[in-house]
């Protein structure tokens, strides 16, 4: 059986950067390469033009809210900037899948030491995205306001 081998090279990083990469890794699942690939995917998605007006390019949350696929989300918690990415069927944060912004927000807070009670938050206010004016605004701005 013939297997394809990829060329490898050595990448040196300082200790602080290495620890940051470790924090993004899922134990027993990730290698340094998989963490770096995931970060590069986030970067590439962040610099792709967004076509949110097309409904087929939206993820529909478990509560029926629509988010553009490829939307990069950021949040600041405990002096750390946390990134998340909207996929076709979920939101990815810290390498895990979530089906609404609030579930993702609670999980990333708990991963960083918050207990269940203090981690509770409104994900629509926790996460931010870059709007057309290149400003970070709360995710809630994308929500379709329902009238009763």
N, C-alpha and C. Protein backbone atom coordinates (compact mmCIF):
# COMPACT_ATOMS: atom_id res chain seq x y z
N UNK A 1 0.84 -1.18 0.00
CA UNK A 1 0.00 0.00 0.00
C UNK A 1 0.88 1.24 0.00
N UNK A 2 0.58 2.17 -0.88
CA UNK A 2 1.35 3.39 -1.00
C UNK A 2 0.63 4.50 -0.24
N UNK A 3 1.35 5.19 0.62
CA UNK A 3 0.75 6.32 1.34
C UNK A 3 1.47 7.59 0.97
N UNK A 4 0.74 8.67 0.94
CA UNK A 4 1.30 9.97 0.61
C UNK A 4 1.90 10.59 1.87
N UNK A 5 3.12 11.03 1.78
CA UNK A 5 3.78 11.69 2.92
C UNK A 5 3.91 13.17 2.62
N UNK A 6 3.48 13.97 3.56
CA UNK A 6 3.64 15.41 3.41
C UNK A 6 5.01 15.81 3.94
N UNK A 7 5.60 16.80 3.29
CA UNK A 7 6.86 17.33 3.78
C UNK A 7 6.61 18.05 5.09
N UNK A 8 7.57 17.99 5.97
CA UNK A 8 7.42 18.65 7.27
C UNK A 8 8.59 19.60 7.48
N UNK A 9 8.34 20.65 8.26
CA UNK A 9 9.40 21.57 8.63
C UNK A 9 9.23 21.92 10.10
N UNK A 10 10.24 22.50 10.67
CA UNK A 10 10.22 22.88 12.07
C UNK A 10 9.83 24.35 12.17
N UNK A 11 8.93 24.65 13.08
CA UNK A 11 8.48 26.01 13.32
C UNK A 11 8.78 26.34 14.78
N UNK A 12 9.61 27.32 15.02
CA UNK A 12 9.92 27.68 16.40
C UNK A 12 9.00 28.81 16.84
N UNK A 13 8.45 28.66 18.06
CA UNK A 13 7.61 29.70 18.64
C UNK A 13 8.08 29.94 20.07
N UNK A 14 7.83 31.14 20.58
CA UNK A 14 8.22 31.41 21.96
C UNK A 14 7.29 30.66 22.91
N UNK A 15 7.67 30.59 24.16
CA UNK A 15 6.93 29.80 25.15
C UNK A 15 5.50 30.32 25.34
N UNK A 16 5.33 31.62 25.34
CA UNK A 16 3.99 32.18 25.51
C UNK A 16 3.07 31.75 24.37
N UNK A 17 3.57 31.82 23.14
CA UNK A 17 2.77 31.40 21.98
C UNK A 17 2.48 29.91 22.05
N UNK A 18 3.46 29.12 22.45
CA UNK A 18 3.26 27.68 22.57
C UNK A 18 2.16 27.37 23.58
N UNK A 19 2.17 28.06 24.70
CA UNK A 19 1.13 27.84 25.72
C UNK A 19 -0.24 28.25 25.20
N UNK A 20 -0.29 29.33 24.42
CA UNK A 20 -1.57 29.75 23.83
C UNK A 20 -2.08 28.68 22.87
N UNK A 21 -1.19 28.08 22.09
CA UNK A 21 -1.58 27.00 21.19
C UNK A 21 -2.08 25.79 21.99
N UNK A 22 -1.41 25.49 23.10
CA UNK A 22 -1.85 24.37 23.95
C UNK A 22 -3.26 24.61 24.48
N UNK A 23 -3.56 25.85 24.85
CA UNK A 23 -4.89 26.18 25.37
C UNK A 23 -5.98 25.97 24.34
N UNK A 24 -5.63 26.07 23.06
CA UNK A 24 -6.62 25.88 21.99
C UNK A 24 -6.76 24.42 21.59
N UNK A 25 -5.89 23.57 22.11
CA UNK A 25 -5.89 22.16 21.72
C UNK A 25 -6.88 21.35 22.55
N UNK A 26 -7.49 20.37 21.91
CA UNK A 26 -8.32 19.39 22.61
C UNK A 26 -7.41 18.23 22.98
N UNK A 27 -7.29 17.92 24.28
CA UNK A 27 -6.39 16.85 24.70
C UNK A 27 -6.71 15.52 24.00
N UNK A 28 -5.67 14.83 23.63
CA UNK A 28 -5.72 13.52 22.98
C UNK A 28 -6.36 13.56 21.59
N UNK A 29 -6.67 14.74 21.09
CA UNK A 29 -7.25 14.86 19.75
C UNK A 29 -6.36 15.69 18.83
N UNK A 30 -5.88 16.82 19.33
CA UNK A 30 -5.14 17.76 18.50
C UNK A 30 -3.64 17.55 18.56
N UNK A 31 -3.02 17.89 17.44
CA UNK A 31 -1.57 18.00 17.36
C UNK A 31 -1.28 19.48 17.12
N UNK A 32 -0.04 19.91 17.25
CA UNK A 32 0.24 21.32 16.92
C UNK A 32 -0.21 21.67 15.50
N UNK A 33 -0.08 20.74 14.58
CA UNK A 33 -0.49 21.00 13.21
C UNK A 33 -2.00 21.21 13.10
N UNK A 34 -2.81 20.41 13.78
CA UNK A 34 -4.27 20.59 13.68
C UNK A 34 -4.71 21.91 14.30
N UNK A 35 -4.05 22.32 15.38
CA UNK A 35 -4.38 23.62 16.00
C UNK A 35 -4.04 24.74 15.04
N UNK A 36 -2.86 24.70 14.44
CA UNK A 36 -2.46 25.74 13.50
C UNK A 36 -3.36 25.76 12.26
N UNK A 37 -3.74 24.59 11.76
CA UNK A 37 -4.65 24.54 10.61
C UNK A 37 -5.98 25.20 10.96
N UNK A 38 -6.50 24.93 12.16
CA UNK A 38 -7.77 25.52 12.58
C UNK A 38 -7.64 27.05 12.67
N UNK A 39 -6.53 27.54 13.20
CA UNK A 39 -6.31 28.99 13.29
C UNK A 39 -6.21 29.61 11.90
N UNK A 40 -5.53 28.92 10.99
CA UNK A 40 -5.43 29.42 9.62
C UNK A 40 -6.80 29.44 8.94
N UNK A 41 -7.63 28.43 9.21
CA UNK A 41 -8.99 28.42 8.66
C UNK A 41 -9.77 29.63 9.15
N UNK A 42 -9.67 29.94 10.47
CA UNK A 42 -10.34 31.12 11.02
C UNK A 42 -9.87 32.38 10.29
N UNK A 43 -8.55 32.50 10.14
CA UNK A 43 -7.98 33.69 9.49
C UNK A 43 -8.50 33.82 8.06
N UNK A 44 -8.45 32.72 7.31
CA UNK A 44 -8.89 32.76 5.92
C UNK A 44 -10.38 33.09 5.82
N UNK A 45 -11.19 32.54 6.72
CA UNK A 45 -12.62 32.84 6.70
C UNK A 45 -12.87 34.31 7.03
N UNK A 46 -12.06 34.87 7.93
CA UNK A 46 -12.24 36.27 8.34
C UNK A 46 -11.94 37.23 7.20
N UNK A 47 -11.14 36.81 6.24
CA UNK A 47 -10.75 37.69 5.15
C UNK A 47 -11.46 37.35 3.84
N UNK A 48 -12.48 36.55 3.93
CA UNK A 48 -13.29 36.20 2.77
C UNK A 48 -14.47 37.15 2.70
N UNK A 49 -14.87 37.59 1.51
CA UNK A 49 -16.07 38.42 1.43
C UNK A 49 -17.29 37.64 1.90
N UNK A 50 -18.15 38.29 2.66
CA UNK A 50 -19.33 37.66 3.22
C UNK A 50 -20.55 38.00 2.37
N UNK A 51 -21.34 37.00 2.00
CA UNK A 51 -22.54 37.21 1.21
C UNK A 51 -23.75 36.83 2.05
N UNK A 52 -23.95 37.55 3.14
CA UNK A 52 -24.98 37.17 4.11
C UNK A 52 -26.40 37.37 3.60
N UNK A 53 -26.55 38.12 2.51
CA UNK A 53 -27.90 38.35 2.03
C UNK A 53 -28.51 37.12 1.37
N UNK A 54 -27.71 36.12 1.05
CA UNK A 54 -28.22 34.91 0.43
C UNK A 54 -28.63 33.92 1.50
N UNK A 55 -29.93 33.60 1.62
CA UNK A 55 -30.40 32.73 2.68
C UNK A 55 -29.75 31.35 2.69
N UNK A 56 -29.33 30.85 1.53
CA UNK A 56 -28.72 29.52 1.49
C UNK A 56 -27.36 29.52 2.19
N UNK A 57 -26.80 30.68 2.44
CA UNK A 57 -25.50 30.77 3.08
C UNK A 57 -25.62 31.08 4.57
N UNK A 58 -26.71 30.63 5.17
CA UNK A 58 -26.93 30.88 6.59
C UNK A 58 -27.03 29.58 7.38
N UNK A 59 -26.51 29.64 8.59
CA UNK A 59 -26.71 28.59 9.57
C UNK A 59 -27.95 28.99 10.36
N UNK A 60 -28.85 28.05 10.57
CA UNK A 60 -30.04 28.32 11.37
C UNK A 60 -29.83 27.67 12.73
N UNK A 61 -29.83 28.48 13.79
CA UNK A 61 -29.58 27.97 15.13
C UNK A 61 -30.72 27.06 15.57
N UNK A 62 -30.52 26.37 16.69
CA UNK A 62 -31.57 25.50 17.21
C UNK A 62 -32.82 26.27 17.62
N UNK A 63 -32.72 27.60 17.72
CA UNK A 63 -33.88 28.42 18.06
C UNK A 63 -34.42 29.18 16.84
N UNK A 64 -33.91 28.83 15.65
CA UNK A 64 -34.43 29.42 14.42
C UNK A 64 -33.81 30.73 13.99
N UNK A 65 -32.78 31.19 14.66
CA UNK A 65 -32.11 32.43 14.26
C UNK A 65 -31.12 32.12 13.15
N UNK A 66 -30.90 33.08 12.25
CA UNK A 66 -30.01 32.87 11.11
C UNK A 66 -28.70 33.62 11.30
N UNK A 67 -27.59 32.92 10.99
CA UNK A 67 -26.26 33.53 11.02
C UNK A 67 -25.54 33.21 9.72
N UNK A 68 -24.85 34.18 9.13
CA UNK A 68 -24.14 33.92 7.88
C UNK A 68 -23.02 32.90 8.07
N UNK A 69 -22.96 31.93 7.17
CA UNK A 69 -21.87 30.95 7.21
C UNK A 69 -20.56 31.68 6.92
N UNK A 70 -19.54 31.34 7.68
CA UNK A 70 -18.24 31.98 7.51
C UNK A 70 -18.04 33.19 8.40
N UNK A 71 -19.08 33.58 9.12
CA UNK A 71 -18.97 34.73 10.00
C UNK A 71 -18.01 34.42 11.14
N UNK A 72 -17.02 35.28 11.33
CA UNK A 72 -16.06 35.13 12.42
C UNK A 72 -16.56 35.92 13.61
N UNK A 73 -16.61 35.27 14.75
CA UNK A 73 -17.05 35.92 15.99
C UNK A 73 -15.86 36.06 16.93
N UNK A 74 -15.86 37.12 17.70
CA UNK A 74 -14.85 37.34 18.74
C UNK A 74 -15.54 37.70 20.03
N UNK A 75 -14.91 37.35 21.12
CA UNK A 75 -15.37 37.78 22.43
C UNK A 75 -14.15 37.99 23.30
N UNK A 76 -14.26 38.88 24.25
CA UNK A 76 -13.18 39.09 25.21
C UNK A 76 -13.65 38.59 26.56
N UNK A 77 -12.84 37.70 27.15
CA UNK A 77 -13.17 37.16 28.46
C UNK A 77 -11.88 36.89 29.21
N UNK A 78 -11.78 37.40 30.43
CA UNK A 78 -10.58 37.25 31.27
C UNK A 78 -9.32 37.65 30.50
N UNK A 79 -9.37 38.82 29.87
CA UNK A 79 -8.24 39.38 29.12
C UNK A 79 -7.78 38.50 27.97
N UNK A 80 -8.66 37.67 27.45
CA UNK A 80 -8.34 36.82 26.31
C UNK A 80 -9.36 37.08 25.21
N UNK A 81 -8.88 37.15 23.98
CA UNK A 81 -9.80 37.25 22.85
C UNK A 81 -10.06 35.83 22.37
N UNK A 82 -11.33 35.47 22.31
CA UNK A 82 -11.75 34.13 21.92
C UNK A 82 -12.42 34.24 20.56
N UNK A 83 -12.05 33.34 19.66
CA UNK A 83 -12.63 33.35 18.32
C UNK A 83 -13.60 32.19 18.15
N UNK A 84 -14.59 32.40 17.33
CA UNK A 84 -15.54 31.35 16.96
C UNK A 84 -15.86 31.54 15.48
N UNK A 85 -16.32 30.47 14.85
CA UNK A 85 -16.62 30.53 13.42
C UNK A 85 -17.96 29.86 13.16
N UNK A 86 -18.80 30.53 12.36
CA UNK A 86 -20.10 29.98 12.00
C UNK A 86 -19.94 29.06 10.79
N UNK A 87 -20.33 27.81 10.97
CA UNK A 87 -20.30 26.81 9.90
C UNK A 87 -21.72 26.59 9.38
N UNK A 88 -21.87 25.68 8.45
CA UNK A 88 -23.19 25.42 7.86
C UNK A 88 -24.20 24.89 8.88
N UNK A 89 -23.73 24.09 9.85
CA UNK A 89 -24.66 23.45 10.79
C UNK A 89 -24.33 23.70 12.25
N UNK A 90 -23.37 24.55 12.55
CA UNK A 90 -22.99 24.80 13.94
C UNK A 90 -22.08 26.01 14.03
N UNK A 91 -21.80 26.38 15.28
CA UNK A 91 -20.80 27.41 15.58
C UNK A 91 -19.63 26.67 16.21
N UNK A 92 -18.43 26.91 15.72
CA UNK A 92 -17.24 26.27 16.29
C UNK A 92 -16.52 27.26 17.20
N UNK A 93 -16.30 26.83 18.43
CA UNK A 93 -15.54 27.63 19.40
C UNK A 93 -14.68 26.67 20.20
N UNK A 94 -13.42 26.99 20.36
CA UNK A 94 -12.48 26.12 21.08
C UNK A 94 -12.48 24.69 20.52
N UNK A 95 -12.69 24.57 19.21
CA UNK A 95 -12.64 23.26 18.58
C UNK A 95 -13.87 22.39 18.80
N UNK A 96 -14.92 22.95 19.36
CA UNK A 96 -16.13 22.18 19.64
C UNK A 96 -17.33 22.80 18.89
N UNK A 97 -18.38 22.00 18.71
CA UNK A 97 -19.56 22.44 17.98
C UNK A 97 -20.67 22.86 18.95
N UNK A 98 -21.33 23.98 18.61
CA UNK A 98 -22.46 24.48 19.39
C UNK A 98 -23.57 24.88 18.43
N UNK A 99 -24.80 24.80 18.90
CA UNK A 99 -25.93 25.03 18.02
C UNK A 99 -26.62 26.37 18.26
N UNK A 100 -26.04 27.20 19.12
CA UNK A 100 -26.50 28.58 19.26
C UNK A 100 -25.39 29.38 19.96
N UNK A 101 -25.41 30.70 19.83
CA UNK A 101 -24.35 31.53 20.40
C UNK A 101 -24.25 31.45 21.92
N UNK A 102 -25.37 31.27 22.60
CA UNK A 102 -25.34 31.21 24.06
C UNK A 102 -24.63 29.96 24.55
N UNK A 103 -24.91 28.83 23.94
CA UNK A 103 -24.23 27.58 24.33
C UNK A 103 -22.72 27.72 24.14
N UNK A 104 -22.31 28.34 23.04
CA UNK A 104 -20.88 28.55 22.79
C UNK A 104 -20.28 29.49 23.84
N UNK A 105 -20.99 30.56 24.17
CA UNK A 105 -20.49 31.52 25.15
C UNK A 105 -20.30 30.88 26.52
N UNK A 106 -21.30 30.13 26.97
CA UNK A 106 -21.22 29.47 28.28
C UNK A 106 -20.05 28.49 28.31
N UNK A 107 -19.90 27.71 27.25
CA UNK A 107 -18.83 26.70 27.21
C UNK A 107 -17.44 27.33 27.23
N UNK A 108 -17.22 28.40 26.46
CA UNK A 108 -15.89 29.00 26.46
C UNK A 108 -15.57 29.65 27.80
N UNK A 109 -16.57 30.18 28.48
CA UNK A 109 -16.35 30.75 29.81
C UNK A 109 -16.01 29.65 30.82
N UNK A 110 -16.73 28.53 30.75
CA UNK A 110 -16.46 27.43 31.68
C UNK A 110 -15.07 26.83 31.42
N UNK A 111 -14.67 26.76 30.17
CA UNK A 111 -13.33 26.24 29.85
C UNK A 111 -12.25 27.12 30.46
N UNK A 112 -12.57 28.39 30.66
CA UNK A 112 -11.60 29.33 31.22
C UNK A 112 -11.79 29.54 32.72
N UNK A 113 -12.50 28.60 33.36
CA UNK A 113 -12.56 28.59 34.81
C UNK A 113 -13.84 29.08 35.46
N UNK A 114 -14.79 29.56 34.68
CA UNK A 114 -16.04 30.03 35.29
C UNK A 114 -16.88 28.83 35.73
N UNK A 115 -17.56 28.98 36.86
CA UNK A 115 -18.47 27.90 37.25
C UNK A 115 -19.76 28.07 36.44
N UNK A 116 -20.62 27.07 36.51
CA UNK A 116 -21.81 27.05 35.67
C UNK A 116 -22.68 28.30 35.85
N UNK A 117 -22.81 28.74 37.10
CA UNK A 117 -23.66 29.90 37.37
C UNK A 117 -23.07 31.19 36.80
N UNK A 118 -21.78 31.42 37.04
CA UNK A 118 -21.18 32.67 36.56
C UNK A 118 -20.93 32.65 35.06
N UNK A 119 -20.94 31.47 34.44
CA UNK A 119 -20.74 31.37 32.99
C UNK A 119 -22.00 31.73 32.21
N UNK A 120 -23.16 31.73 32.88
CA UNK A 120 -24.42 32.02 32.19
C UNK A 120 -24.37 33.41 31.57
N UNK A 121 -24.73 33.50 30.33
CA UNK A 121 -24.75 34.79 29.65
C UNK A 121 -25.58 34.68 28.38
N UNK A 122 -25.89 35.82 27.82
CA UNK A 122 -26.60 35.89 26.56
C UNK A 122 -25.53 35.89 25.46
N UNK A 123 -25.46 34.82 24.69
CA UNK A 123 -24.45 34.71 23.64
C UNK A 123 -24.57 35.77 22.58
N UNK A 124 -25.78 36.28 22.37
CA UNK A 124 -25.98 37.32 21.36
C UNK A 124 -25.33 38.64 21.79
N UNK A 125 -25.11 38.80 23.09
CA UNK A 125 -24.43 40.00 23.59
C UNK A 125 -22.96 39.72 23.91
N UNK A 126 -22.60 38.47 24.11
CA UNK A 126 -21.22 38.07 24.42
C UNK A 126 -20.33 38.14 23.17
N UNK A 127 -20.83 37.62 22.04
CA UNK A 127 -20.04 37.56 20.81
C UNK A 127 -20.16 38.85 20.01
N UNK A 128 -19.10 39.18 19.28
CA UNK A 128 -19.08 40.34 18.38
C UNK A 128 -18.64 39.89 16.99
N UNK A 129 -19.02 40.65 15.99
CA UNK A 129 -18.59 40.39 14.62
C UNK A 129 -18.23 41.72 13.97
N UNK A 130 -17.48 41.67 12.87
CA UNK A 130 -17.11 42.90 12.16
C UNK A 130 -18.21 43.23 11.17
N UNK A 131 -18.76 44.44 11.31
CA UNK A 131 -19.83 44.86 10.41
C UNK A 131 -19.24 45.42 9.11
N UNK A 132 -20.10 45.90 8.22
CA UNK A 132 -19.66 46.42 6.93
C UNK A 132 -18.74 47.62 7.07
N UNK A 133 -18.82 48.34 8.18
CA UNK A 133 -17.94 49.49 8.45
C UNK A 133 -16.64 49.07 9.12
N UNK A 134 -16.39 47.75 9.19
CA UNK A 134 -15.17 47.20 9.77
C UNK A 134 -15.06 47.48 11.27
N UNK A 135 -16.22 47.54 11.95
CA UNK A 135 -16.25 47.76 13.40
C UNK A 135 -16.81 46.52 14.06
N UNK A 136 -16.26 46.16 15.24
CA UNK A 136 -16.77 45.03 16.00
C UNK A 136 -18.03 45.46 16.73
N UNK A 137 -19.13 44.77 16.45
CA UNK A 137 -20.41 45.08 17.08
C UNK A 137 -21.01 43.79 17.64
N UNK A 138 -21.93 43.93 18.60
CA UNK A 138 -22.52 42.74 19.21
C UNK A 138 -23.31 41.94 18.18
N UNK A 139 -23.26 40.64 18.32
CA UNK A 139 -23.93 39.72 17.41
C UNK A 139 -25.43 39.98 17.35
N UNK A 140 -25.99 40.49 18.43
CA UNK A 140 -27.41 40.77 18.51
C UNK A 140 -27.88 41.69 17.37
N UNK A 141 -26.98 42.48 16.80
CA UNK A 141 -27.33 43.39 15.69
C UNK A 141 -27.77 42.61 14.46
N UNK A 142 -27.35 41.34 14.34
CA UNK A 142 -27.74 40.53 13.19
C UNK A 142 -29.09 39.86 13.37
N UNK A 143 -29.56 39.84 14.58
CA UNK A 143 -30.80 39.15 14.90
C UNK A 143 -31.99 39.83 14.25
N UNK A 144 -32.89 39.03 13.72
CA UNK A 144 -34.13 39.58 13.16
C UNK A 144 -35.07 39.82 14.33
N UNK A 145 -35.46 41.06 14.49
CA UNK A 145 -36.36 41.41 15.59
C UNK A 145 -37.78 40.96 15.25
N UNK A 146 -38.36 40.18 16.12
CA UNK A 146 -39.73 39.69 15.90
C UNK A 146 -40.73 40.65 16.56
N UNK A 147 -41.82 40.86 15.86
CA UNK A 147 -42.88 41.68 16.46
C UNK A 147 -44.02 40.77 16.89
N UNK A 148 -44.57 41.07 18.04
CA UNK A 148 -45.66 40.22 18.58
C UNK A 148 -46.99 40.62 18.01
